[in-house]
Amino acid sequence: LGDHQPAAEELLRLCGEQGIAFVPFYAIAGDSGPHGATTAHGEAVLAAARAHGTSPAQIRLAWTLARGPHVLAIPGTGNPAHLTENVAAGALRLTAEELDGLNEAHTKAG
């Protein structure tokens, strides 16, 4: 959601209220943005990945999708294995505790 965290969160909220689709850039890359996915993940991401037996990238994607039905993600990949992981991430159901931890980590990162 970018460097301007409070403004971005407000925009996300307003889009949800108005039924407007929101497509975040770099849903998987996180803070590394246009440089691509990184191996540096916060503890909340790593803990959720361990709990679900998935990759941190799948957790980031599942969290993005859990932000609301108006939030869409378009992860790009040229790697068939990553494509399979991306599709599988759509079926991940994060717990309320995991979502709270990921939301908190996201807020602190901004």
PDB file of N, CA and C in Angstrom:
ATOM      1  N   LEU A   1       0.800  -1.194   0.000  1.00  0.00           N
ATOM      2  CA  LEU A   1       0.000   0.000   0.000  1.00  0.00           C
ATOM      3  C   LEU A   1       0.846   1.263   0.000  1.00  0.00           C
ATOM      4  N   GLY A   2       2.136   1.128   0.105  1.00  0.00           N
ATOM      5  CA  GLY A   2       2.983   2.289  -0.127  1.00  0.00           C
ATOM      6  C   GLY A   2       3.479   2.984   1.110  1.00  0.00           C
ATOM      7  N   ASP A   3       4.207   4.077   0.854  1.00  0.00           N
ATOM      8  CA  ASP A   3       4.887   4.812   1.911  1.00  0.00           C
ATOM      9  C   ASP A   3       3.949   5.680   2.749  1.00  0.00           C
ATOM     10  N   HIS A   4       2.832   6.100   2.212  1.00  0.00           N
ATOM     11  CA  HIS A   4       1.916   6.988   2.918  1.00  0.00           C
ATOM     12  C   HIS A   4       0.820   6.159   3.567  1.00  0.00           C
ATOM     13  N   GLN A   5       1.192   5.417   4.601  1.00  0.00           N
ATOM     14  CA  GLN A   5       0.344   4.408   5.223  1.00  0.00           C
ATOM     15  C   GLN A   5      -1.038   4.908   5.620  1.00  0.00           C
ATOM     16  N   PRO A   6      -1.175   5.968   6.419  1.00  0.00           N
ATOM     17  CA  PRO A   6      -2.533   6.380   6.808  1.00  0.00           C
ATOM     18  C   PRO A   6      -3.400   6.753   5.606  1.00  0.00           C
ATOM     19  N   ALA A   7      -2.841   7.465   4.653  1.00  0.00           N
ATOM     20  CA  ALA A   7      -3.616   7.854   3.463  1.00  0.00           C
ATOM     21  C   ALA A   7      -3.995   6.627   2.644  1.00  0.00           C
ATOM     22  N   ALA A   8      -3.088   5.674   2.510  1.00  0.00           N
ATOM     23  CA  ALA A   8      -3.371   4.462   1.742  1.00  0.00           C
ATOM     24  C   ALA A   8      -4.440   3.629   2.432  1.00  0.00           C
ATOM     25  N   GLU A   9      -4.374   3.524   3.740  1.00  0.00           N
ATOM     26  CA  GLU A   9      -5.383   2.766   4.477  1.00  0.00           C
ATOM     27  C   GLU A   9      -6.752   3.424   4.343  1.00  0.00           C
ATOM     28  N   GLU A  10      -6.787   4.748   4.369  1.00  0.00           N
ATOM     29  CA  GLU A  10      -8.055   5.467   4.202  1.00  0.00           C
ATOM     30  C   GLU A  10      -8.604   5.240   2.797  1.00  0.00           C
ATOM     31  N   LEU A  11      -7.744   5.268   1.799  1.00  0.00           N
ATOM     32  CA  LEU A  11      -8.165   5.007   0.427  1.00  0.00           C
ATOM     33  C   LEU A  11      -8.738   3.596   0.306  1.00  0.00           C
ATOM     34  N   LEU A  12      -8.067   2.623   0.900  1.00  0.00           N
ATOM     35  CA  LEU A  12      -8.546   1.243   0.874  1.00  0.00           C
ATOM     36  C   LEU A  12      -9.927   1.139   1.520  1.00  0.00           C
ATOM     37  N   ARG A  13     -10.103   1.808   2.653  1.00  0.00           N
ATOM     38  CA  ARG A  13     -11.390   1.791   3.354  1.00  0.00           C
ATOM     39  C   ARG A  13     -12.487   2.422   2.492  1.00  0.00           C
ATOM     40  N   LEU A  14     -12.184   3.570   1.904  1.00  0.00           N
ATOM     41  CA  LEU A  14     -13.179   4.252   1.063  1.00  0.00           C
ATOM     42  C   LEU A  14     -13.552   3.426  -0.166  1.00  0.00           C
ATOM     43  N   CYS A  15     -12.565   2.777  -0.757  1.00  0.00           N
ATOM     44  CA  CYS A  15     -12.860   1.912  -1.907  1.00  0.00           C
ATOM     45  C   CYS A  15     -13.825   0.805  -1.501  1.00  0.00           C
ATOM     46  N   GLY A  16     -13.574   0.198  -0.336  1.00  0.00           N
ATOM     47  CA  GLY A  16     -14.460  -0.856   0.148  1.00  0.00           C
ATOM     48  C   GLY A  16     -15.872  -0.365   0.365  1.00  0.00           C
ATOM     49  N   GLU A  17     -16.008   0.828   0.957  1.00  0.00           N
ATOM     50  CA  GLU A  17     -17.337   1.393   1.203  1.00  0.00           C
ATOM     51  C   GLU A  17     -18.090   1.660  -0.093  1.00  0.00           C
ATOM     52  N   GLN A  18     -17.376   2.059  -1.122  1.00  0.00           N
ATOM     53  CA  GLN A  18     -18.001   2.423  -2.390  1.00  0.00           C
ATOM     54  C   GLN A  18     -18.081   1.259  -3.382  1.00  0.00           C
ATOM     55  N   GLY A  19     -17.543   0.101  -3.000  1.00  0.00           N
ATOM     56  CA  GLY A  19     -17.554  -1.055  -3.891  1.00  0.00           C
ATOM     57  C   GLY A  19     -16.599  -0.911  -5.064  1.00  0.00           C
ATOM     58  N   ILE A  20     -15.529  -0.170  -4.857  1.00  0.00           N
ATOM     59  CA  ILE A  20     -14.533   0.061  -5.904  1.00  0.00           C
ATOM     60  C   ILE A  20     -13.386  -0.922  -5.726  1.00  0.00           C
ATOM     61  N   ALA A  21     -13.017  -1.586  -6.807  1.00  0.00           N
ATOM     62  CA  ALA A  21     -11.906  -2.540  -6.743  1.00  0.00           C
ATOM     63  C   ALA A  21     -10.603  -1.801  -6.472  1.00  0.00           C
ATOM     64  N   PHE A  22      -9.755  -2.403  -5.644  1.00  0.00           N
ATOM     65  CA  PHE A  22      -8.448  -1.849  -5.300  1.00  0.00           C
ATOM     66  C   PHE A  22      -7.414  -2.910  -5.657  1.00  0.00           C
ATOM     67  N   VAL A  23      -6.456  -2.549  -6.482  1.00  0.00           N
ATOM     68  CA  VAL A  23      -5.412  -3.485  -6.896  1.00  0.00           C
ATOM     69  C   VAL A  23      -4.063  -2.949  -6.419  1.00  0.00           C
ATOM     70  N   PRO A  24      -3.535  -3.491  -5.308  1.00  0.00           N
ATOM     71  CA  PRO A  24      -2.257  -2.997  -4.808  1.00  0.00           C
ATOM     72  C   PRO A  24      -1.104  -3.484  -5.677  1.00  0.00           C
ATOM     73  N   PHE A  25      -0.137  -2.620  -5.887  1.00  0.00           N
ATOM     74  CA  PHE A  25       1.073  -3.016  -6.585  1.00  0.00           C
ATOM     75  C   PHE A  25       1.972  -3.760  -5.608  1.00  0.00           C
ATOM     76  N   TYR A  26       2.704  -4.721  -6.105  1.00  0.00           N
ATOM     77  CA  TYR A  26       3.731  -5.430  -5.335  1.00  0.00           C
ATOM     78  C   TYR A  26       3.159  -6.144  -4.115  1.00  0.00           C
ATOM     79  N   ALA A  27       2.015  -6.831  -4.297  1.00  0.00           N
ATOM     80  CA  ALA A  27       1.382  -7.536  -3.186  1.00  0.00           C
ATOM     81  C   ALA A  27       2.317  -8.561  -2.557  1.00  0.00           C
ATOM     82  N   ILE A  28       3.145  -9.194  -3.362  1.00  0.00           N
ATOM     83  CA  ILE A  28       4.062 -10.209  -2.822  1.00  0.00           C
ATOM     84  C   ILE A  28       5.398  -9.591  -2.427  1.00  0.00           C
ATOM     85  N   ALA A  29       5.862  -8.615  -3.186  1.00  0.00           N
ATOM     86  CA  ALA A  29       7.184  -8.036  -2.951  1.00  0.00           C
ATOM     87  C   ALA A  29       7.255  -7.253  -1.649  1.00  0.00           C
ATOM     88  N   GLY A  30       6.138  -6.747  -1.179  1.00  0.00           N
ATOM     89  CA  GLY A  30       6.144  -5.978   0.058  1.00  0.00           C
ATOM     90  C   GLY A  30       7.012  -4.741  -0.061  1.00  0.00           C
ATOM     91  N   ASP A  31       7.844  -4.503   0.934  1.00  0.00           N
ATOM     92  CA  ASP A  31       8.664  -3.301   0.980  1.00  0.00           C
ATOM     93  C   ASP A  31       9.679  -3.206  -0.137  1.00  0.00           C
ATOM     94  N   SER A  32      10.034  -4.326  -0.771  1.00  0.00           N
ATOM     95  CA  SER A  32      11.036  -4.267  -1.839  1.00  0.00           C
ATOM     96  C   SER A  32      10.432  -3.777  -3.150  1.00  0.00           C
ATOM     97  N   GLY A  33       9.102  -3.674  -3.209  1.00  0.00           N
ATOM     98  CA  GLY A  33       8.403  -3.070  -4.338  1.00  0.00           C
ATOM     99  C   GLY A  33       8.850  -3.565  -5.696  1.00  0.00           C
ATOM    100  N   PRO A  34       9.242  -2.651  -6.579  1.00  0.00           N
ATOM    101  CA  PRO A  34       9.556  -3.032  -7.949  1.00  0.00           C
ATOM    102  C   PRO A  34      10.790  -3.907  -8.086  1.00  0.00           C
ATOM    103  N   HIS A  35      11.525  -4.062  -7.000  1.00  0.00           N
ATOM    104  CA  HIS A  35      12.724  -4.899  -7.046  1.00  0.00           C
ATOM    105  C   HIS A  35      12.392  -6.382  -6.912  1.00  0.00           C
ATOM    106  N   GLY A  36      11.141  -6.693  -6.609  1.00  0.00           N
ATOM    107  CA  GLY A  36      10.698  -8.083  -6.548  1.00  0.00           C
ATOM    108  C   GLY A  36      10.680  -8.645  -5.150  1.00  0.00           C
ATOM    109  N   ALA A  37      10.216  -9.878  -5.058  1.00  0.00           N
ATOM    110  CA  ALA A  37      10.107 -10.550  -3.765  1.00  0.00           C
ATOM    111  C   ALA A  37      11.480 -10.654  -3.125  1.00  0.00           C
ATOM    112  N   THR A  38      11.481 -10.624  -1.832  1.00  0.00           N
ATOM    113  CA  THR A  38      12.722 -10.650  -1.067  1.00  0.00           C
ATOM    114  C   THR A  38      12.693 -11.820  -0.089  1.00  0.00           C
ATOM    115  N   THR A  39      13.834 -12.164   0.447  1.00  0.00           N
ATOM    116  CA  THR A  39      13.880 -13.202   1.469  1.00  0.00           C
ATOM    117  C   THR A  39      13.716 -12.598   2.856  1.00  0.00           C
ATOM    118  N   ALA A  40      13.652 -11.265   2.951  1.00  0.00           N
ATOM    119  CA  ALA A  40      13.473 -10.594   4.237  1.00  0.00           C
ATOM    120  C   ALA A  40      11.982 -10.479   4.529  1.00  0.00           C
ATOM    121  N   HIS A  41      11.519 -11.211   5.523  1.00  0.00           N
ATOM    122  CA  HIS A  41      10.118 -11.187   5.911  1.00  0.00           C
ATOM    123  C   HIS A  41      10.039 -10.959   7.407  1.00  0.00           C
ATOM    124  N   GLY A  42       9.032 -10.247   7.837  1.00  0.00           N
ATOM    125  CA  GLY A  42       8.818 -10.029   9.257  1.00  0.00           C
ATOM    126  C   GLY A  42       8.396 -11.309   9.951  1.00  0.00           C
ATOM    127  N   GLU A  43       8.492 -11.299  11.268  1.00  0.00           N
ATOM    128  CA  GLU A  43       8.170 -12.493  12.054  1.00  0.00           C
ATOM    129  C   GLU A  43       6.714 -12.909  11.891  1.00  0.00           C
ATOM    130  N   ALA A  44       5.798 -11.958  11.752  1.00  0.00           N
ATOM    131  CA  ALA A  44       4.387 -12.319  11.585  1.00  0.00           C
ATOM    132  C   ALA A  44       4.186 -13.116  10.299  1.00  0.00           C
ATOM    133  N   VAL A  45       4.864 -12.717   9.235  1.00  0.00           N
ATOM    134  CA  VAL A  45       4.769 -13.430   7.954  1.00  0.00           C
ATOM    135  C   VAL A  45       5.389 -14.814   8.091  1.00  0.00           C
ATOM    136  N   LEU A  46       6.572 -14.872   8.684  1.00  0.00           N
ATOM    137  CA  LEU A  46       7.264 -16.158   8.830  1.00  0.00           C
ATOM    138  C   LEU A  46       6.483 -17.116   9.723  1.00  0.00           C
ATOM    139  N   ALA A  47       5.913 -16.611  10.808  1.00  0.00           N
ATOM    140  CA  ALA A  47       5.141 -17.470  11.721  1.00  0.00           C
ATOM    141  C   ALA A  47       3.911 -18.042  11.002  1.00  0.00           C
ATOM    142  N   ALA A  48       3.219 -17.206  10.253  1.00  0.00           N
ATOM    143  CA  ALA A  48       2.041 -17.689   9.525  1.00  0.00           C
ATOM    144  C   ALA A  48       2.446 -18.707   8.456  1.00  0.00           C
ATOM    145  N   ALA A  49       3.567 -18.467   7.779  1.00  0.00           N
ATOM    146  CA  ALA A  49       4.045 -19.413   6.765  1.00  0.00           C
ATOM    147  C   ALA A  49       4.362 -20.769   7.392  1.00  0.00           C
ATOM    148  N   ARG A  50       5.010 -20.741   8.547  1.00  0.00           N
ATOM    149  CA  ARG A  50       5.308 -22.005   9.244  1.00  0.00           C
ATOM    150  C   ARG A  50       4.028 -22.718   9.641  1.00  0.00           C
ATOM    151  N   ALA A  51       3.063 -21.966  10.165  1.00  0.00           N
ATOM    152  CA  ALA A  51       1.806 -22.561  10.632  1.00  0.00           C
ATOM    153  C   ALA A  51       1.017 -23.208   9.495  1.00  0.00           C
ATOM    154  N   HIS A  52       1.112 -22.641   8.304  1.00  0.00           N
ATOM    155  CA  HIS A  52       0.346 -23.155   7.168  1.00  0.00           C
ATOM    156  C   HIS A  52       1.177 -24.039   6.241  1.00  0.00           C
ATOM    157  N   GLY A  53       2.467 -24.146   6.519  1.00  0.00           N
ATOM    158  CA  GLY A  53       3.326 -24.953   5.650  1.00  0.00           C
ATOM    159  C   GLY A  53       3.428 -24.365   4.254  1.00  0.00           C
ATOM    160  N   THR A  54       3.471 -23.041   4.182  1.00  0.00           N
ATOM    161  CA  THR A  54       3.511 -22.345   2.894  1.00  0.00           C
ATOM    162  C   THR A  54       4.726 -21.430   2.835  1.00  0.00           C
ATOM    163  N   SER A  55       4.871 -20.771   1.721  1.00  0.00           N
ATOM    164  CA  SER A  55       5.951 -19.796   1.577  1.00  0.00           C
ATOM    165  C   SER A  55       5.492 -18.451   2.131  1.00  0.00           C
ATOM    166  N   PRO A  56       6.440 -17.605   2.544  1.00  0.00           N
ATOM    167  CA  PRO A  56       6.076 -16.254   2.977  1.00  0.00           C
ATOM    168  C   PRO A  56       5.338 -15.479   1.880  1.00  0.00           C
ATOM    169  N   ALA A  57       5.715 -15.682   0.619  1.00  0.00           N
ATOM    170  CA  ALA A  57       5.041 -14.993  -0.478  1.00  0.00           C
ATOM    171  C   ALA A  57       3.561 -15.374  -0.518  1.00  0.00           C
ATOM    172  N   GLN A  58       3.242 -16.639  -0.253  1.00  0.00           N
ATOM    173  CA  GLN A  58       1.847 -17.063  -0.240  1.00  0.00           C
ATOM    174  C   GLN A  58       1.084 -16.380   0.899  1.00  0.00           C
ATOM    175  N   ILE A  59       1.743 -16.205   2.038  1.00  0.00           N
ATOM    176  CA  ILE A  59       1.102 -15.520   3.159  1.00  0.00           C
ATOM    177  C   ILE A  59       0.839 -14.063   2.802  1.00  0.00           C
ATOM    178  N   ARG A  60       1.818 -13.402   2.188  1.00  0.00           N
ATOM    179  CA  ARG A  60       1.620 -11.999   1.782  1.00  0.00           C
ATOM    180  C   ARG A  60       0.442 -11.875   0.819  1.00  0.00           C
ATOM    181  N   LEU A  61       0.343 -12.811  -0.110  1.00  0.00           N
ATOM    182  CA  LEU A  61      -0.745 -12.784  -1.081  1.00  0.00           C
ATOM    183  C   LEU A  61      -2.084 -13.080  -0.404  1.00  0.00           C
ATOM    184  N   ALA A  62      -2.118 -14.073   0.478  1.00  0.00           N
ATOM    185  CA  ALA A  62      -3.354 -14.408   1.193  1.00  0.00           C
ATOM    186  C   ALA A  62      -3.803 -13.234   2.059  1.00  0.00           C
ATOM    187  N   TRP A  63      -2.851 -12.559   2.714  1.00  0.00           N
ATOM    188  CA  TRP A  63      -3.193 -11.391   3.533  1.00  0.00           C
ATOM    189  C   TRP A  63      -3.769 -10.275   2.663  1.00  0.00           C
ATOM    190  N   THR A  64      -3.156 -10.038   1.512  1.00  0.00           N
ATOM    191  CA  THR A  64      -3.652  -9.011   0.591  1.00  0.00           C
ATOM    192  C   THR A  64      -5.098  -9.307   0.223  1.00  0.00           C
ATOM    193  N   LEU A  65      -5.386 -10.543  -0.136  1.00  0.00           N
ATOM    194  CA  LEU A  65      -6.741 -10.928  -0.532  1.00  0.00           C
ATOM    195  C   LEU A  65      -7.719 -10.865   0.639  1.00  0.00           C
ATOM    196  N   ALA A  66      -7.229 -11.079   1.857  1.00  0.00           N
ATOM    197  CA  ALA A  66      -8.095 -11.047   3.036  1.00  0.00           C
ATOM    198  C   ALA A  66      -8.482  -9.626   3.437  1.00  0.00           C
ATOM    199  N   ARG A  67      -7.878  -8.630   2.812  1.00  0.00           N
ATOM    200  CA  ARG A  67      -8.181  -7.233   3.155  1.00  0.00           C
ATOM    201  C   ARG A  67      -9.618  -6.859   2.809  1.00  0.00           C
ATOM    202  N   GLY A  68     -10.235  -7.625   1.922  1.00  0.00           N
ATOM    203  CA  GLY A  68     -11.629  -7.365   1.585  1.00  0.00           C
ATOM    204  C   GLY A  68     -11.943  -7.880   0.200  1.00  0.00           C
ATOM    205  N   PRO A  69     -13.233  -8.083  -0.093  1.00  0.00           N
ATOM    206  CA  PRO A  69     -13.606  -8.613  -1.406  1.00  0.00           C
ATOM    207  C   PRO A  69     -13.314  -7.631  -2.541  1.00  0.00           C
ATOM    208  N   HIS A  70     -13.091  -6.373  -2.207  1.00  0.00           N
ATOM    209  CA  HIS A  70     -12.791  -5.365  -3.222  1.00  0.00           C
ATOM    210  C   HIS A  70     -11.289  -5.276  -3.517  1.00  0.00           C
ATOM    211  N   VAL A  71     -10.469  -6.023  -2.766  1.00  0.00           N
ATOM    212  CA  VAL A  71      -9.023  -5.998  -2.968  1.00  0.00           C
ATOM    213  C   VAL A  71      -8.636  -7.158  -3.879  1.00  0.00           C
ATOM    214  N   LEU A  72      -8.021  -6.814  -4.981  1.00  0.00           N
ATOM    215  CA  LEU A  72      -7.598  -7.798  -5.968  1.00  0.00           C
ATOM    216  C   LEU A  72      -6.077  -7.836  -6.009  1.00  0.00           C
ATOM    217  N   ALA A  73      -5.533  -8.932  -6.423  1.00  0.00           N
ATOM    218  CA  ALA A  73      -4.082  -9.031  -6.560  1.00  0.00           C
ATOM    219  C   ALA A  73      -3.773  -9.636  -7.922  1.00  0.00           C
ATOM    220  N   ILE A  74      -2.796  -9.071  -8.571  1.00  0.00           N
ATOM    221  CA  ILE A  74      -2.373  -9.571  -9.873  1.00  0.00           C
ATOM    222  C   ILE A  74      -0.864  -9.841  -9.789  1.00  0.00           C
ATOM    223  N   PRO A  75      -0.496 -10.954  -9.168  1.00  0.00           N
ATOM    224  CA  PRO A  75       0.932 -11.242  -9.067  1.00  0.00           C
ATOM    225  C   PRO A  75       1.485 -11.705 -10.413  1.00  0.00           C
ATOM    226  N   GLY A  76       2.538 -11.098 -10.834  1.00  0.00           N
ATOM    227  CA  GLY A  76       3.156 -11.492 -12.094  1.00  0.00           C
ATOM    228  C   GLY A  76       4.240 -12.526 -11.854  1.00  0.00           C
ATOM    229  N   THR A  77       4.339 -13.481 -12.731  1.00  0.00           N
ATOM    230  CA  THR A  77       5.404 -14.470 -12.621  1.00  0.00           C
ATOM    231  C   THR A  77       5.625 -15.120 -13.980  1.00  0.00           C
ATOM    232  N   GLY A  78       6.860 -15.482 -14.214  1.00  0.00           N
ATOM    233  CA  GLY A  78       7.192 -16.250 -15.410  1.00  0.00           C
ATOM    234  C   GLY A  78       7.577 -17.665 -15.032  1.00  0.00           C
ATOM    235  N   ASN A  79       7.402 -17.988 -13.758  1.00  0.00           N
ATOM    236  CA  ASN A  79       7.819 -19.272 -13.219  1.00  0.00           C
ATOM    237  C   ASN A  79       6.576 -20.114 -12.928  1.00  0.00           C
ATOM    238  N   PRO A  80       6.416 -21.275 -13.587  1.00  0.00           N
ATOM    239  CA  PRO A  80       5.226 -22.109 -13.351  1.00  0.00           C
ATOM    240  C   PRO A  80       5.051 -22.536 -11.890  1.00  0.00           C
ATOM    241  N   ALA A  81       6.144 -22.765 -11.172  1.00  0.00           N
ATOM    242  CA  ALA A  81       6.029 -23.149  -9.756  1.00  0.00           C
ATOM    243  C   ALA A  81       5.465 -21.993  -8.937  1.00  0.00           C
ATOM    244  N   HIS A  82       5.895 -20.782  -9.230  1.00  0.00           N
ATOM    245  CA  HIS A  82       5.362 -19.618  -8.516  1.00  0.00           C
ATOM    246  C   HIS A  82       3.895 -19.396  -8.872  1.00  0.00           C
ATOM    247  N   LEU A  83       3.526 -19.653 -10.111  1.00  0.00           N
ATOM    248  CA  LEU A  83       2.127 -19.526 -10.511  1.00  0.00           C
ATOM    249  C   LEU A  83       1.262 -20.486  -9.698  1.00  0.00           C
ATOM    250  N   THR A  84       1.726 -21.704  -9.532  1.00  0.00           N
ATOM    251  CA  THR A  84       0.996 -22.697  -8.734  1.00  0.00           C
ATOM    252  C   THR A  84       0.856 -22.213  -7.292  1.00  0.00           C
ATOM    253  N   GLU A  85       1.932 -21.674  -6.726  1.00  0.00           N
ATOM    254  CA  GLU A  85       1.894 -21.142  -5.355  1.00  0.00           C
ATOM    255  C   GLU A  85       0.913 -19.977  -5.255  1.00  0.00           C
ATOM    256  N   ASN A  86       0.934 -19.096  -6.258  1.00  0.00           N
ATOM    257  CA  ASN A  86       0.044 -17.930  -6.229  1.00  0.00           C
ATOM    258  C   ASN A  86      -1.413 -18.357  -6.229  1.00  0.00           C
ATOM    259  N   VAL A  87      -1.753 -19.328  -7.059  1.00  0.00           N
ATOM    260  CA  VAL A  87      -3.135 -19.817  -7.114  1.00  0.00           C
ATOM    261  C   VAL A  87      -3.515 -20.470  -5.783  1.00  0.00           C
ATOM    262  N   ALA A  88      -2.611 -21.259  -5.222  1.00  0.00           N
ATOM    263  CA  ALA A  88      -2.878 -21.923  -3.943  1.00  0.00           C
ATOM    264  C   ALA A  88      -3.065 -20.914  -2.816  1.00  0.00           C
ATOM    265  N   ALA A  89      -2.398 -19.782  -2.890  1.00  0.00           N
ATOM    266  CA  ALA A  89      -2.522 -18.757  -1.846  1.00  0.00           C
ATOM    267  C   ALA A  89      -3.946 -18.238  -1.743  1.00  0.00           C
ATOM    268  N   GLY A  90      -4.678 -18.274  -2.842  1.00  0.00           N
ATOM    269  CA  GLY A  90      -6.060 -17.818  -2.820  1.00  0.00           C
ATOM    270  C   GLY A  90      -6.954 -18.677  -1.944  1.00  0.00           C
ATOM    271  N   ALA A  91      -6.554 -19.902  -1.681  1.00  0.00           N
ATOM    272  CA  ALA A  91      -7.341 -20.802  -0.847  1.00  0.00           C
ATOM    273  C   ALA A  91      -6.927 -20.760   0.623  1.00  0.00           C
ATOM    274  N   LEU A  92      -5.842 -20.062   0.948  1.00  0.00           N
ATOM    275  CA  LEU A  92      -5.383 -19.977   2.343  1.00  0.00           C
ATOM    276  C   LEU A  92      -6.379 -19.177   3.177  1.00  0.00           C
ATOM    277  N   ARG A  93      -6.695 -19.671   4.330  1.00  0.00           N
ATOM    278  CA  ARG A  93      -7.565 -18.959   5.255  1.00  0.00           C
ATOM    279  C   ARG A  93      -6.759 -18.659   6.507  1.00  0.00           C
ATOM    280  N   LEU A  94      -6.365 -17.409   6.636  1.00  0.00           N
ATOM    281  CA  LEU A  94      -5.586 -16.989   7.790  1.00  0.00           C
ATOM    282  C   LEU A  94      -6.509 -16.819   8.991  1.00  0.00           C
ATOM    283  N   THR A  95      -5.991 -17.137  10.176  1.00  0.00           N
ATOM    284  CA  THR A  95      -6.790 -16.989  11.391  1.00  0.00           C
ATOM    285  C   THR A  95      -6.908 -15.508  11.750  1.00  0.00           C
ATOM    286  N   ALA A  96      -7.851 -15.196  12.610  1.00  0.00           N
ATOM    287  CA  ALA A  96      -8.018 -13.817  13.078  1.00  0.00           C
ATOM    288  C   ALA A  96      -6.747 -13.323  13.746  1.00  0.00           C
ATOM    289  N   GLU A  97      -6.092 -14.190  14.514  1.00  0.00           N
ATOM    290  CA  GLU A  97      -4.847 -13.809  15.191  1.00  0.00           C
ATOM    291  C   GLU A  97      -3.741 -13.527  14.177  1.00  0.00           C
ATOM    292  N   GLU A  98      -3.653 -14.364  13.151  1.00  0.00           N
ATOM    293  CA  GLU A  98      -2.647 -14.135  12.110  1.00  0.00           C
ATOM    294  C   GLU A  98      -2.917 -12.825  11.379  1.00  0.00           C
ATOM    295  N   LEU A  99      -4.171 -12.590  11.040  1.00  0.00           N
ATOM    296  CA  LEU A  99      -4.525 -11.346  10.356  1.00  0.00           C
ATOM    297  C   LEU A  99      -4.200 -10.131  11.215  1.00  0.00           C
ATOM    298  N   ASP A 100      -4.500 -10.214  12.512  1.00  0.00           N
ATOM    299  CA  ASP A 100      -4.178  -9.108  13.413  1.00  0.00           C
ATOM    300  C   ASP A 100      -2.670  -8.852  13.426  1.00  0.00           C
ATOM    301  N   GLY A 101      -1.884  -9.924  13.531  1.00  0.00           N
ATOM    302  CA  GLY A 101      -0.426  -9.774  13.537  1.00  0.00           C
ATOM    303  C   GLY A 101       0.110  -9.212  12.240  1.00  0.00           C
ATOM    304  N   LEU A 102      -0.430  -9.664  11.120  1.00  0.00           N
ATOM    305  CA  LEU A 102       0.003  -9.155   9.815  1.00  0.00           C
ATOM    306  C   LEU A 102      -0.421  -7.705   9.620  1.00  0.00           C
ATOM    307  N   ASN A 103      -1.635  -7.373  10.061  1.00  0.00           N
ATOM    308  CA  ASN A 103      -2.094  -5.987   9.963  1.00  0.00           C
ATOM    309  C   ASN A 103      -1.216  -5.066  10.806  1.00  0.00           C
ATOM    310  N   GLU A 104      -0.893  -5.511  12.010  1.00  0.00           N
ATOM    311  CA  GLU A 104      -0.046  -4.711  12.893  1.00  0.00           C
ATOM    312  C   GLU A 104       1.350  -4.525  12.287  1.00  0.00           C
ATOM    313  N   ALA A 105       1.912  -5.603  11.759  1.00  0.00           N
ATOM    314  CA  ALA A 105       3.235  -5.504  11.136  1.00  0.00           C
ATOM    315  C   ALA A 105       3.202  -4.572   9.941  1.00  0.00           C
ATOM    316  N   HIS A 106       2.121  -4.622   9.176  1.00  0.00           N
ATOM    317  CA  HIS A 106       1.970  -3.752   8.008  1.00  0.00           C
ATOM    318  C   HIS A 106       1.896  -2.285   8.433  1.00  0.00           C
ATOM    319  N   THR A 107       1.142  -2.024   9.489  1.00  0.00           N
ATOM    320  CA  THR A 107       0.994  -0.661   9.980  1.00  0.00           C
ATOM    321  C   THR A 107       2.339  -0.113  10.468  1.00  0.00           C
ATOM    322  N   LYS A 108       3.105  -0.937  11.160  1.00  0.00           N
ATOM    323  CA  LYS A 108       4.420  -0.507  11.663  1.00  0.00           C
ATOM    324  C   LYS A 108       5.408  -0.276  10.528  1.00  0.00           C
ATOM    325  N   ALA A 109       5.271  -1.056   9.447  1.00  0.00           N
ATOM    326  CA  ALA A 109       6.210  -0.934   8.319  1.00  0.00           C
ATOM    327  C   ALA A 109       6.011   0.356   7.571  1.00  0.00           C
ATOM    328  N   GLY A 110       4.802   0.893   7.585  1.00  0.00           N
ATOM    329  CA  GLY A 110       4.510   2.116   6.840  1.00  0.00           C
ATOM    330  C   GLY A 110       4.979   3.309   7.562  1.00  0.00           C
TER     331      GLY A 110
END
